[in-house]
Amino acid sequence: MATCFECGAPLPSRIYRNTLCESCGADAKVCLNCDFYDVGAQWQCRETISEPVREKNRANFCDFFRPAAASRGSSKKPENDDGARDAFSRLFGDE
């Protein structure tokens, strides 16, 4: 099941251009919710698209759209990032 890029809430199984997240009202058919979205790919898409989509968080007409797996989760920053900071400190030591 796909989840909303904005709030992490589950999205409906069928997503159309006018589908909105029931939790936060964000557009659902957006690049940030797509399985092909990849920040490391050309134009941030693993599909061969003819032109870039400028607003990745706005609804679009892309024919390649496929909802991303729920494991990608929300784009929101985690509440507590001390674990990563502590791991970094253990690895490189404090000076």
Protein backbone atom coordinates (compact mmCIF):
# COMPACT_ATOMS: atom_id res chain seq x y z
CA MET A 1 0.00 0.00 0.00
CA ALA A 2 1.26 3.45 -0.92
CA THR A 3 1.67 6.19 1.65
CA CYS A 4 1.44 9.96 1.38
CA PHE A 5 4.77 11.75 0.88
CA GLU A 6 3.56 14.59 3.12
CA CYS A 7 2.12 12.86 6.18
CA GLY A 8 2.78 9.13 5.73
CA ALA A 9 -0.92 8.17 5.81
CA PRO A 10 -2.07 5.26 3.62
CA LEU A 11 -3.35 6.20 0.17
CA PRO A 12 -6.24 4.53 -1.68
CA SER A 13 -5.45 1.55 -3.91
CA ARG A 14 -6.55 3.49 -7.02
CA ILE A 15 -4.92 6.88 -7.48
CA TYR A 16 -6.13 9.36 -10.10
CA ARG A 17 -4.90 12.85 -10.95
CA ASN A 18 -7.50 14.43 -8.65
CA THR A 19 -7.00 11.99 -5.73
CA LEU A 20 -6.10 13.68 -2.45
CA CYS A 21 -4.68 12.26 0.77
CA GLU A 22 -7.61 11.83 3.15
CA SER A 23 -5.42 12.79 6.09
CA CYS A 24 -3.65 15.99 4.98
CA GLY A 25 -5.25 16.91 1.63
CA ALA A 26 -2.01 16.69 -0.39
CA ASP A 27 -2.18 15.62 -4.05
CA ALA A 28 -1.64 11.85 -4.35
CA LYS A 29 -0.59 11.45 -8.01
CA VAL A 30 2.75 13.22 -7.62
CA CYS A 31 6.36 12.32 -8.33
CA LEU A 32 7.13 12.11 -4.61
CA ASN A 33 4.60 9.24 -4.27
CA CYS A 34 5.82 7.41 -7.39
CA ASP A 35 7.88 4.23 -7.40
CA PHE A 36 10.01 5.65 -10.24
CA TYR A 37 10.99 8.79 -8.28
CA ASP A 38 14.76 8.76 -7.68
CA VAL A 39 16.79 11.83 -6.72
CA GLY A 40 19.86 10.29 -8.36
CA ALA A 41 18.25 9.76 -11.78
CA GLN A 42 17.96 12.22 -14.65
CA TRP A 43 15.11 14.59 -13.84
CA GLN A 44 14.62 12.52 -10.64
CA CYS A 45 12.80 9.76 -12.55
CA ARG A 46 13.96 6.22 -13.41
CA GLU A 47 11.59 6.15 -16.41
CA THR A 48 12.51 7.74 -19.72
CA ILE A 49 10.48 10.92 -19.68
CA SER A 50 10.63 13.57 -22.41
CA GLU A 51 10.75 16.59 -20.10
CA PRO A 52 11.25 17.20 -16.38
CA VAL A 53 8.36 17.62 -13.99
CA ARG A 54 9.13 20.89 -12.19
CA GLU A 55 6.79 20.58 -9.22
CA LYS A 56 7.32 17.10 -7.80
CA ASN A 57 4.70 17.63 -5.08
CA ARG A 58 1.85 18.69 -7.41
CA ALA A 59 -0.55 16.43 -9.33
CA ASN A 60 0.52 15.66 -12.90
CA PHE A 61 -0.52 13.67 -15.98
CA CYS A 62 2.43 11.24 -16.07
CA ASP A 63 1.53 7.93 -17.73
CA PHE A 64 4.34 6.11 -15.91
CA PHE A 65 3.02 6.84 -12.38
CA ARG A 66 3.05 3.79 -10.12
CA PRO A 67 2.41 4.23 -6.37
CA ALA A 68 5.54 3.70 -4.29
CA ALA A 69 5.69 0.94 -1.69
CA ALA A 70 4.77 1.91 1.85
CA SER A 71 8.31 1.12 3.00
CA ARG A 72 9.50 4.46 1.58
CA GLY A 73 7.38 6.17 4.19
CA SER A 74 7.05 9.89 4.73
CA SER A 75 9.51 12.52 3.58
CA LYS A 76 9.24 14.23 6.95
CA LYS A 77 12.40 14.38 9.07
CA PRO A 78 12.47 11.87 11.95
CA GLU A 79 11.66 13.31 15.36
CA ASN A 80 14.95 12.14 16.88
CA ASP A 81 18.15 11.89 14.87
CA ASP A 82 20.45 11.42 17.89
CA GLY A 83 20.97 7.74 16.99
CA ALA A 84 22.69 8.65 13.73
CA ARG A 85 24.74 11.34 15.46
CA ASP A 86 25.84 8.90 18.18
CA ALA A 87 26.79 6.26 15.60
CA PHE A 88 28.85 8.85 13.72
CA SER A 89 30.62 9.88 16.95
CA ARG A 90 31.42 6.26 17.81
CA LEU A 91 32.79 5.66 14.33
CA PHE A 92 34.97 8.76 14.05
CA GLY A 93 35.37 9.68 17.73
CA ASP A 94 34.93 13.04 19.40
CA GLU A 95 37.74 15.52 19.10
